C-alpha atoms as a PDB file:
ATOM      1  CA  UNK A   1     103.513  83.034 107.011  1.00  0.00           C
ATOM      2  CA  UNK A   2     102.475  83.345 102.911  1.00  0.00           C
ATOM      3  CA  UNK A   3     100.423  85.881 101.329  1.00  0.00           C
ATOM      4  CA  UNK A   4      97.284  84.072 101.692  1.00  0.00           C
ATOM      5  CA  UNK A   5      97.140  84.505 105.707  1.00  0.00           C
ATOM      6  CA  UNK A   6      98.071  88.517 105.452  1.00  0.00           C
ATOM      7  CA  UNK A   7      95.888  88.858 102.775  1.00  0.00           C
ATOM      8  CA  UNK A   8      92.755  88.012 105.581  1.00  0.00           C
ATOM      9  CA  UNK A   9      94.074  90.213 108.439  1.00  0.00           C
ATOM     10  CA  UNK A  10      92.732  93.648 108.694  1.00  0.00           C
ATOM     11  CA  UNK A  11      95.036  97.417 108.190  1.00  0.00           C
ATOM     12  CA  UNK A  12      95.206  97.516 112.111  1.00  0.00           C
ATOM     13  CA  UNK A  13      96.165  93.712 112.459  1.00  0.00           C
ATOM     14  CA  UNK A  14      98.973  94.362 109.150  1.00  0.00           C
ATOM     15  CA  UNK A  15     100.396  97.436 110.736  1.00  0.00           C
ATOM     16  CA  UNK A  16     100.464  95.422 114.337  1.00  0.00           C
ATOM     17  CA  UNK A  17     102.755  92.450 112.821  1.00  0.00           C
ATOM     18  CA  UNK A  18     104.574  94.648 111.099  1.00  0.00           C
ATOM     19  CA  UNK A  19     105.766  96.538 113.673  1.00  0.00           C
ATOM     20  CA  UNK A  20     106.717  93.553 115.116  1.00  0.00           C
ATOM     21  CA  UNK A  21     108.212  91.508 112.593  1.00  0.00           C
ATOM     22  CA  UNK A  22     110.435  95.219 112.518  1.00  0.00           C
ATOM     23  CA  UNK A  23     111.178  94.698 116.355  1.00  0.00           C
ATOM     24  CA  UNK A  24     112.062  91.249 115.879  1.00  0.00           C
ATOM     25  CA  UNK A  25     114.818  92.246 113.144  1.00  0.00           C
ATOM     26  CA  UNK A  26     116.113  94.717 114.750  1.00  0.00           C
ATOM     27  CA  UNK A  27     116.557  92.065 117.862  1.00  0.00           C
ATOM     28  CA  UNK A  28     118.083  89.566 114.794  1.00  0.00           C
ATOM     29  CA  UNK A  29     120.867  92.094 113.658  1.00  0.00           C
ATOM     30  CA  UNK A  30     121.860  92.663 116.917  1.00  0.00           C
ATOM     31  CA  UNK A  31     122.220  89.170 117.987  1.00  0.00           C
ATOM     32  CA  UNK A  32     124.344  88.988 114.350  1.00  0.00           C
ATOM     33  CA  UNK A  33     126.591  91.754 115.615  1.00  0.00           C
ATOM     34  CA  UNK A  34     127.636  90.142 118.859  1.00  0.00           C
ATOM     35  CA  UNK A  35     127.897  86.757 117.215  1.00  0.00           C
ATOM     36  CA  UNK A  36     125.183  84.953 119.240  1.00  0.00           C
ATOM     37  CA  UNK A  37     122.658  84.088 116.520  1.00  0.00           C
ATOM     38  CA  UNK A  38     121.792  80.752 115.964  1.00  0.00           C
ATOM     39  CA  UNK A  39     120.025  80.681 112.663  1.00  0.00           C
ATOM     40  CA  UNK A  40     121.475  83.216 110.189  1.00  0.00           C
ATOM     41  CA  UNK A  41     118.414  82.456 107.337  1.00  0.00           C
ATOM     42  CA  UNK A  42     115.595  83.816 109.922  1.00  0.00           C
ATOM     43  CA  UNK A  43     116.993  87.301 109.285  1.00  0.00           C
ATOM     44  CA  UNK A  44     116.074  86.500 105.271  1.00  0.00           C
ATOM     45  CA  UNK A  45     112.820  84.625 106.820  1.00  0.00           C
ATOM     46  CA  UNK A  46     111.784  88.182 108.597  1.00  0.00           C
ATOM     47  CA  UNK A  47     112.909  90.598 105.513  1.00  0.00           C
ATOM     48  CA  UNK A  48     110.923  88.759 103.372  1.00  0.00           C
ATOM     49  CA  UNK A  49     107.737  88.483 105.841  1.00  0.00           C
ATOM     50  CA  UNK A  50     108.107  92.714 105.842  1.00  0.00           C
ATOM     51  CA  UNK A  51     108.077  92.758 102.458  1.00  0.00           C
ATOM     52  CA  UNK A  52     104.711  90.678 102.011  1.00  0.00           C
ATOM     53  CA  UNK A  53     102.735  92.626 104.678  1.00  0.00           C
ATOM     54  CA  UNK A  54     103.897  95.967 103.464  1.00  0.00           C
ATOM     55  CA  UNK A  55     102.352  94.420  99.631  1.00  0.00           C
ATOM     56  CA  UNK A  56      99.882  93.759 100.615  1.00  0.00           C
ATOM     57  CA  UNK A  57      99.329  97.060 102.745  1.00  0.00           C
ATOM     58  CA  UNK A  58      99.595  98.868  99.275  1.00  0.00           C
ATOM     59  CA  UNK A  59      97.387  96.987  97.007  1.00  0.00           C
ATOM     60  CA  UNK A  60      95.375  97.298  99.795  1.00  0.00           C
ATOM     61  CA  UNK A  61      95.843 101.197  99.484  1.00  0.00           C
ATOM     62  CA  UNK A  62      95.206 101.066  95.727  1.00  0.00           C
ATOM     63  CA  UNK A  63      92.040  99.277  95.982  1.00  0.00           C
ATOM     64  CA  UNK A  64      91.010 101.321  98.160  1.00  0.00           C
ATOM     65  CA  UNK A  65      92.220 104.643  95.849  1.00  0.00           C
ATOM     66  CA  UNK A  66      90.386 102.731  92.829  1.00  0.00           C
ATOM     67  CA  UNK A  67      86.834 102.270  94.385  1.00  0.00           C
ATOM     68  CA  UNK A  68      86.614 105.732  95.769  1.00  0.00           C
END
């Protein structure tokens, strides 16, 4: 997922995507703890996606408060 795709989503979709990624991260960490994780780099990718979504949510908040 790249920033351009994320910016096209509205707030409810962003929050849903964020919740899904947090859930996936939880499951990946659980798999890592019990040594069943096949691709440890997936954890890094999910963390970056979470950060991208949070950044864009914050950008939208700042833009909305500046317009108000």
